[in-house]
């Protein structure tokens, strides 16, 4: 009984609705944004490819996560600017990490996929605790 109660109070409880929704909508966001990134990486430098995918993700993700995952009733400019600041940080981190991994002769496309879980974890924690707080 105590173990069950501990699990429900734990920050890592798997049945947390926000985590499940974040994963579902995150997968949709991942498919669309990463498709754009992977295609862009074939034709343009990493800097611009990550920037273009991040701009798409900024707007698509803001509405998707704000309305569907964290169920914010009104997406204000203040929330948008917190989300924008966060995305600037993620874009720089994404660009840096892809470049870093690419410097070890790993393809840009594979590097982008390797960085994704790390960025998703940072994204969830930041959005839940800073951007879309109630």
N, C-alpha and C. Protein backbone atom coordinates (compact mmCIF):
# COMPACT_ATOMS: atom_id res chain seq x y z
N UNK A 1 0.81 -1.19 0.00
CA UNK A 1 0.00 0.00 0.00
C UNK A 1 0.86 1.26 0.00
N UNK A 2 1.90 1.30 0.86
CA UNK A 2 2.76 2.47 0.90
C UNK A 2 3.50 2.65 -0.41
N UNK A 3 3.95 1.57 -1.02
CA UNK A 3 4.67 1.68 -2.29
C UNK A 3 3.76 2.27 -3.36
N UNK A 4 2.49 1.85 -3.39
CA UNK A 4 1.55 2.39 -4.37
C UNK A 4 1.33 3.88 -4.15
N UNK A 5 1.20 4.30 -2.90
CA UNK A 5 1.01 5.71 -2.59
C UNK A 5 2.25 6.52 -2.96
N UNK A 6 3.42 5.95 -2.73
CA UNK A 6 4.66 6.62 -3.09
C UNK A 6 4.73 6.84 -4.59
N UNK A 7 4.36 5.83 -5.37
CA UNK A 7 4.42 5.94 -6.82
C UNK A 7 3.49 7.02 -7.35
N UNK A 8 2.32 7.16 -6.78
CA UNK A 8 1.38 8.17 -7.25
C UNK A 8 1.85 9.58 -6.90
N UNK A 9 2.59 9.72 -5.82
CA UNK A 9 3.09 11.03 -5.43
C UNK A 9 4.44 11.35 -6.07
N UNK A 10 5.07 10.37 -6.65
CA UNK A 10 6.38 10.55 -7.26
C UNK A 10 6.27 11.44 -8.49
N UNK A 11 7.31 12.22 -8.73
CA UNK A 11 7.34 13.08 -9.93
C UNK A 11 7.43 12.26 -11.20
N UNK A 12 7.80 11.00 -11.09
CA UNK A 12 7.98 10.17 -12.26
C UNK A 12 6.86 9.13 -12.43
N UNK A 13 5.74 9.38 -11.82
CA UNK A 13 4.60 8.48 -11.93
C UNK A 13 4.16 8.40 -13.38
N UNK A 14 4.12 7.21 -13.95
CA UNK A 14 3.90 7.04 -15.39
C UNK A 14 2.50 7.40 -15.85
N UNK A 15 1.53 7.39 -14.97
CA UNK A 15 0.18 7.69 -15.40
C UNK A 15 -0.16 9.17 -15.30
N UNK A 16 0.85 9.99 -15.12
CA UNK A 16 0.65 11.43 -15.11
C UNK A 16 0.14 11.84 -16.48
N UNK A 17 -1.05 12.40 -16.51
CA UNK A 17 -1.71 12.75 -17.76
C UNK A 17 -0.86 13.67 -18.62
N UNK A 18 -0.20 14.64 -18.01
CA UNK A 18 0.63 15.58 -18.77
C UNK A 18 1.78 14.88 -19.46
N UNK A 19 2.38 13.91 -18.79
CA UNK A 19 3.49 13.19 -19.40
C UNK A 19 3.03 12.36 -20.59
N UNK A 20 1.90 11.70 -20.44
CA UNK A 20 1.37 10.88 -21.53
C UNK A 20 0.98 11.76 -22.71
N UNK A 21 0.28 12.85 -22.44
CA UNK A 21 -0.10 13.77 -23.52
C UNK A 21 1.14 14.40 -24.16
N UNK A 22 2.13 14.74 -23.34
CA UNK A 22 3.36 15.31 -23.88
C UNK A 22 4.02 14.32 -24.83
N UNK A 23 4.02 13.05 -24.48
CA UNK A 23 4.62 12.05 -25.36
C UNK A 23 3.82 11.87 -26.65
N UNK A 24 2.51 11.85 -26.55
CA UNK A 24 1.67 11.67 -27.74
C UNK A 24 1.81 12.87 -28.68
N UNK A 25 1.57 14.07 -28.13
CA UNK A 25 1.68 15.26 -28.97
C UNK A 25 3.13 15.56 -29.33
N UNK A 26 4.04 15.16 -28.45
CA UNK A 26 5.45 15.30 -28.76
C UNK A 26 5.86 14.46 -29.95
N UNK A 27 5.25 13.28 -30.07
CA UNK A 27 5.54 12.42 -31.22
C UNK A 27 5.05 13.07 -32.51
N UNK A 28 3.86 13.65 -32.46
CA UNK A 28 3.33 14.36 -33.63
C UNK A 28 4.24 15.54 -33.98
N UNK A 29 4.62 16.28 -32.95
CA UNK A 29 5.51 17.42 -33.14
C UNK A 29 6.86 16.96 -33.67
N UNK A 30 7.36 15.87 -33.11
CA UNK A 30 8.64 15.31 -33.55
C UNK A 30 8.60 14.94 -35.03
N UNK A 31 7.55 14.24 -35.44
CA UNK A 31 7.46 13.81 -36.84
C UNK A 31 7.47 15.00 -37.79
N UNK A 32 6.65 15.99 -37.50
CA UNK A 32 6.57 17.13 -38.41
C UNK A 32 7.84 17.98 -38.38
N UNK A 33 8.33 18.30 -37.19
CA UNK A 33 9.51 19.15 -37.07
C UNK A 33 10.76 18.43 -37.57
N UNK A 34 10.91 17.16 -37.20
CA UNK A 34 12.11 16.44 -37.60
C UNK A 34 12.12 16.14 -39.09
N UNK A 35 10.97 15.94 -39.68
CA UNK A 35 10.91 15.77 -41.13
C UNK A 35 11.43 17.03 -41.82
N UNK A 36 10.98 18.17 -41.34
CA UNK A 36 11.46 19.44 -41.89
C UNK A 36 12.97 19.59 -41.67
N UNK A 37 13.45 19.25 -40.48
CA UNK A 37 14.88 19.34 -40.17
C UNK A 37 15.70 18.41 -41.05
N UNK A 38 15.27 17.16 -41.16
CA UNK A 38 16.04 16.18 -41.94
C UNK A 38 16.14 16.59 -43.42
N UNK A 39 15.05 17.08 -43.97
CA UNK A 39 15.07 17.53 -45.37
C UNK A 39 15.96 18.76 -45.51
N UNK A 40 15.84 19.68 -44.56
CA UNK A 40 16.66 20.89 -44.61
C UNK A 40 18.14 20.58 -44.50
N UNK A 41 18.50 19.62 -43.65
CA UNK A 41 19.91 19.26 -43.47
C UNK A 41 20.54 18.73 -44.76
N UNK A 42 19.73 18.21 -45.65
CA UNK A 42 20.26 17.71 -46.92
C UNK A 42 20.68 18.83 -47.86
N UNK A 43 20.09 20.02 -47.68
CA UNK A 43 20.30 21.09 -48.66
C UNK A 43 20.96 22.36 -48.12
N UNK A 44 20.85 22.59 -46.83
CA UNK A 44 21.38 23.84 -46.29
C UNK A 44 22.24 23.57 -45.05
N UNK A 45 23.07 24.54 -44.65
CA UNK A 45 23.92 24.34 -43.47
C UNK A 45 23.13 24.08 -42.19
N UNK A 46 23.80 23.44 -41.22
CA UNK A 46 23.17 23.06 -39.97
C UNK A 46 22.53 24.27 -39.28
N UNK A 47 23.23 25.38 -39.25
CA UNK A 47 22.73 26.58 -38.59
C UNK A 47 21.34 26.96 -39.10
N UNK A 48 21.17 27.04 -40.41
CA UNK A 48 19.89 27.44 -40.99
C UNK A 48 18.84 26.33 -40.90
N UNK A 49 19.26 25.09 -41.05
CA UNK A 49 18.32 23.97 -40.96
C UNK A 49 17.70 23.89 -39.57
N UNK A 50 18.54 24.02 -38.54
CA UNK A 50 18.01 23.98 -37.18
C UNK A 50 17.15 25.21 -36.89
N UNK A 51 17.53 26.35 -37.46
CA UNK A 51 16.75 27.57 -37.25
C UNK A 51 15.35 27.44 -37.87
N UNK A 52 15.28 26.95 -39.08
CA UNK A 52 13.98 26.79 -39.76
C UNK A 52 13.09 25.81 -39.01
N UNK A 53 13.65 24.67 -38.60
CA UNK A 53 12.83 23.68 -37.88
C UNK A 53 12.42 24.22 -36.51
N UNK A 54 13.27 25.03 -35.89
CA UNK A 54 12.94 25.57 -34.58
C UNK A 54 11.83 26.63 -34.69
N UNK A 55 11.83 27.42 -35.75
CA UNK A 55 10.76 28.41 -35.96
C UNK A 55 9.42 27.68 -36.15
N UNK A 56 9.44 26.63 -36.96
CA UNK A 56 8.21 25.84 -37.13
C UNK A 56 7.75 25.27 -35.80
N UNK A 57 8.71 24.66 -35.08
CA UNK A 57 8.40 24.04 -33.79
C UNK A 57 7.93 25.07 -32.78
N UNK A 58 8.46 26.27 -32.83
CA UNK A 58 8.07 27.33 -31.90
C UNK A 58 6.58 27.57 -31.96
N UNK A 59 6.07 27.79 -33.14
CA UNK A 59 4.65 28.11 -33.28
C UNK A 59 3.75 26.88 -33.17
N UNK A 60 4.13 25.81 -33.81
CA UNK A 60 3.34 24.58 -33.76
C UNK A 60 3.30 24.03 -32.32
N UNK A 61 4.46 23.96 -31.70
CA UNK A 61 4.56 23.43 -30.35
C UNK A 61 3.88 24.30 -29.31
N UNK A 62 3.96 25.61 -29.48
CA UNK A 62 3.35 26.53 -28.52
C UNK A 62 1.85 26.24 -28.39
N UNK A 63 1.18 26.14 -29.50
CA UNK A 63 -0.26 25.87 -29.47
C UNK A 63 -0.55 24.43 -29.08
N UNK A 64 0.20 23.51 -29.61
CA UNK A 64 -0.02 22.09 -29.33
C UNK A 64 0.16 21.79 -27.84
N UNK A 65 1.28 22.19 -27.28
CA UNK A 65 1.55 21.90 -25.87
C UNK A 65 0.72 22.77 -24.94
N UNK A 66 0.61 24.04 -25.28
CA UNK A 66 -0.14 24.94 -24.41
C UNK A 66 -1.60 24.56 -24.29
N UNK A 67 -2.24 24.28 -25.41
CA UNK A 67 -3.68 23.98 -25.41
C UNK A 67 -4.00 22.51 -25.14
N UNK A 68 -3.23 21.61 -25.71
CA UNK A 68 -3.57 20.18 -25.63
C UNK A 68 -2.93 19.47 -24.43
N UNK A 69 -1.69 19.79 -24.11
CA UNK A 69 -1.00 19.07 -23.04
C UNK A 69 -1.22 19.74 -21.69
N UNK A 70 -0.89 21.02 -21.61
CA UNK A 70 -0.95 21.71 -20.33
C UNK A 70 -2.27 22.44 -20.11
N UNK A 71 -3.16 22.36 -21.10
CA UNK A 71 -4.54 22.85 -21.01
C UNK A 71 -4.64 24.29 -20.50
N UNK A 72 -3.81 25.16 -21.05
CA UNK A 72 -3.85 26.57 -20.71
C UNK A 72 -5.05 27.18 -21.43
N UNK A 73 -5.87 27.89 -20.70
CA UNK A 73 -7.09 28.45 -21.30
C UNK A 73 -6.81 29.67 -22.17
N UNK A 74 -5.82 30.46 -21.79
CA UNK A 74 -5.50 31.68 -22.54
C UNK A 74 -3.99 31.75 -22.73
N UNK A 75 -3.55 31.70 -23.98
CA UNK A 75 -2.12 31.76 -24.29
C UNK A 75 -1.72 33.22 -24.47
N UNK A 76 -1.22 33.80 -23.41
CA UNK A 76 -0.88 35.23 -23.41
C UNK A 76 0.47 35.50 -24.07
N UNK A 77 0.73 36.78 -24.30
CA UNK A 77 2.03 37.19 -24.85
C UNK A 77 3.15 36.84 -23.88
N UNK A 78 2.88 36.96 -22.60
CA UNK A 78 3.89 36.64 -21.59
C UNK A 78 4.31 35.17 -21.69
N UNK A 79 3.33 34.30 -21.82
CA UNK A 79 3.63 32.87 -21.97
C UNK A 79 4.39 32.64 -23.26
N UNK A 80 3.98 33.32 -24.34
CA UNK A 80 4.65 33.15 -25.63
C UNK A 80 6.12 33.58 -25.53
N UNK A 81 6.39 34.68 -24.86
CA UNK A 81 7.77 35.15 -24.77
C UNK A 81 8.62 34.23 -23.90
N UNK A 82 8.04 33.62 -22.87
CA UNK A 82 8.78 32.61 -22.11
C UNK A 82 9.09 31.42 -23.00
N UNK A 83 8.11 31.02 -23.80
CA UNK A 83 8.29 29.90 -24.71
C UNK A 83 9.31 30.25 -25.80
N UNK A 84 9.26 31.49 -26.29
CA UNK A 84 10.21 31.95 -27.31
C UNK A 84 11.63 31.93 -26.76
N UNK A 85 11.83 32.45 -25.57
CA UNK A 85 13.16 32.45 -24.95
C UNK A 85 13.67 31.02 -24.81
N UNK A 86 12.81 30.15 -24.38
CA UNK A 86 13.16 28.74 -24.23
C UNK A 86 13.56 28.14 -25.58
N UNK A 87 12.83 28.48 -26.63
CA UNK A 87 13.14 27.93 -27.94
C UNK A 87 14.45 28.47 -28.51
N UNK A 88 14.78 29.70 -28.19
CA UNK A 88 16.08 30.22 -28.60
C UNK A 88 17.20 29.41 -27.96
N UNK A 89 17.04 29.12 -26.68
CA UNK A 89 18.00 28.29 -25.98
C UNK A 89 18.08 26.89 -26.61
N UNK A 90 16.93 26.29 -26.89
CA UNK A 90 16.92 24.95 -27.48
C UNK A 90 17.54 24.94 -28.87
N UNK A 91 17.28 25.97 -29.64
CA UNK A 91 17.84 26.05 -30.99
C UNK A 91 19.37 26.10 -30.92
N UNK A 92 19.91 26.95 -30.06
CA UNK A 92 21.35 27.07 -29.91
C UNK A 92 21.94 25.74 -29.43
N UNK A 93 21.29 25.12 -28.47
CA UNK A 93 21.75 23.83 -27.97
C UNK A 93 21.70 22.76 -29.06
N UNK A 94 20.61 22.73 -29.81
CA UNK A 94 20.43 21.77 -30.90
C UNK A 94 21.53 21.97 -31.95
N UNK A 95 21.73 23.19 -32.37
CA UNK A 95 22.74 23.51 -33.37
C UNK A 95 24.13 23.12 -32.88
N UNK A 96 24.45 23.49 -31.64
CA UNK A 96 25.75 23.17 -31.06
C UNK A 96 25.98 21.66 -30.97
N UNK A 97 24.99 20.93 -30.45
CA UNK A 97 25.16 19.49 -30.27
C UNK A 97 25.26 18.74 -31.60
N UNK A 98 24.47 19.15 -32.58
CA UNK A 98 24.57 18.51 -33.90
C UNK A 98 25.95 18.78 -34.50
N UNK A 99 26.42 20.01 -34.42
CA UNK A 99 27.77 20.34 -34.90
C UNK A 99 28.84 19.54 -34.17
N UNK A 100 28.70 19.43 -32.86
CA UNK A 100 29.68 18.71 -32.06
C UNK A 100 29.75 17.23 -32.47
N UNK A 101 28.59 16.60 -32.58
CA UNK A 101 28.55 15.18 -32.97
C UNK A 101 29.03 15.01 -34.41
N UNK A 102 28.65 15.95 -35.27
CA UNK A 102 29.07 15.92 -36.68
C UNK A 102 30.59 16.02 -36.80
N UNK A 103 31.23 16.71 -35.88
CA UNK A 103 32.70 16.85 -35.92
C UNK A 103 33.41 15.52 -35.71
N UNK A 104 32.70 14.51 -35.21
CA UNK A 104 33.25 13.17 -35.04
C UNK A 104 32.89 12.27 -36.22
N UNK A 105 32.60 12.88 -37.36
CA UNK A 105 32.27 12.17 -38.61
C UNK A 105 30.99 11.35 -38.52
N UNK A 106 30.06 11.79 -37.71
CA UNK A 106 28.72 11.20 -37.67
C UNK A 106 27.86 12.08 -38.58
N UNK A 107 26.99 11.48 -39.36
CA UNK A 107 26.18 12.28 -40.28
C UNK A 107 25.32 13.29 -39.52
N UNK A 108 25.05 14.41 -40.18
CA UNK A 108 24.23 15.46 -39.57
C UNK A 108 22.85 14.92 -39.21
N UNK A 109 22.31 14.09 -40.08
CA UNK A 109 20.97 13.56 -39.85
C UNK A 109 20.93 12.63 -38.64
N UNK A 110 21.92 11.77 -38.51
CA UNK A 110 21.99 10.87 -37.36
C UNK A 110 22.24 11.68 -36.08
N UNK A 111 23.09 12.67 -36.17
CA UNK A 111 23.37 13.53 -35.02
C UNK A 111 22.10 14.20 -34.52
N UNK A 112 21.27 14.66 -35.46
CA UNK A 112 20.00 15.30 -35.08
C UNK A 112 19.09 14.33 -34.34
N UNK A 113 19.08 13.08 -34.76
CA UNK A 113 18.26 12.06 -34.09
C UNK A 113 18.81 11.71 -32.71
N UNK A 114 20.12 11.69 -32.58
CA UNK A 114 20.74 11.36 -31.29
C UNK A 114 20.48 12.43 -30.24
N UNK A 115 20.39 13.66 -30.67
CA UNK A 115 20.20 14.80 -29.76
C UNK A 115 18.75 14.89 -29.28
N UNK A 116 17.83 14.35 -30.04
CA UNK A 116 16.41 14.52 -29.78
C UNK A 116 15.93 14.11 -28.39
N UNK A 117 16.26 12.95 -27.86
CA UNK A 117 15.74 12.59 -26.52
C UNK A 117 16.19 13.57 -25.43
N UNK A 118 17.42 14.01 -25.52
CA UNK A 118 17.95 14.98 -24.57
C UNK A 118 17.16 16.29 -24.63
N UNK A 119 16.90 16.78 -25.82
CA UNK A 119 16.14 18.02 -25.99
C UNK A 119 14.69 17.85 -25.54
N UNK A 120 14.11 16.68 -25.77
CA UNK A 120 12.72 16.44 -25.35
C UNK A 120 12.59 16.46 -23.83
N UNK A 121 13.55 15.89 -23.15
CA UNK A 121 13.52 15.89 -21.69
C UNK A 121 13.62 17.31 -21.14
N UNK A 122 14.55 18.08 -21.67
CA UNK A 122 14.69 19.48 -21.25
C UNK A 122 13.41 20.24 -21.55
N UNK A 123 12.82 19.99 -22.71
CA UNK A 123 11.60 20.67 -23.13
C UNK A 123 10.45 20.41 -22.17
N UNK A 124 10.23 19.15 -21.81
CA UNK A 124 9.13 18.83 -20.91
C UNK A 124 9.30 19.51 -19.56
N UNK A 125 10.47 19.38 -18.99
CA UNK A 125 10.72 19.95 -17.66
C UNK A 125 10.54 21.46 -17.69
N UNK A 126 11.08 22.11 -18.68
CA UNK A 126 10.97 23.57 -18.77
C UNK A 126 9.53 24.02 -18.97
N UNK A 127 8.82 23.37 -19.90
CA UNK A 127 7.44 23.76 -20.16
C UNK A 127 6.55 23.54 -18.95
N UNK A 128 6.72 22.41 -18.29
CA UNK A 128 5.87 22.08 -17.15
C UNK A 128 6.12 23.01 -15.96
N UNK A 129 7.37 23.35 -15.72
CA UNK A 129 7.74 24.09 -14.51
C UNK A 129 7.91 25.59 -14.69
N UNK A 130 8.06 26.06 -15.93
CA UNK A 130 8.31 27.49 -16.13
C UNK A 130 7.31 28.14 -17.09
N UNK A 131 7.06 27.52 -18.22
CA UNK A 131 6.24 28.18 -19.25
C UNK A 131 4.75 28.06 -18.97
N UNK A 132 4.24 26.85 -18.85
CA UNK A 132 2.79 26.63 -18.76
C UNK A 132 2.34 26.33 -17.34
N UNK A 133 2.88 27.02 -16.36
CA UNK A 133 2.46 26.80 -14.99
C UNK A 133 1.11 27.47 -14.76
N UNK A 134 0.34 26.88 -13.88
CA UNK A 134 -1.00 27.43 -13.60
C UNK A 134 -0.99 28.19 -12.30
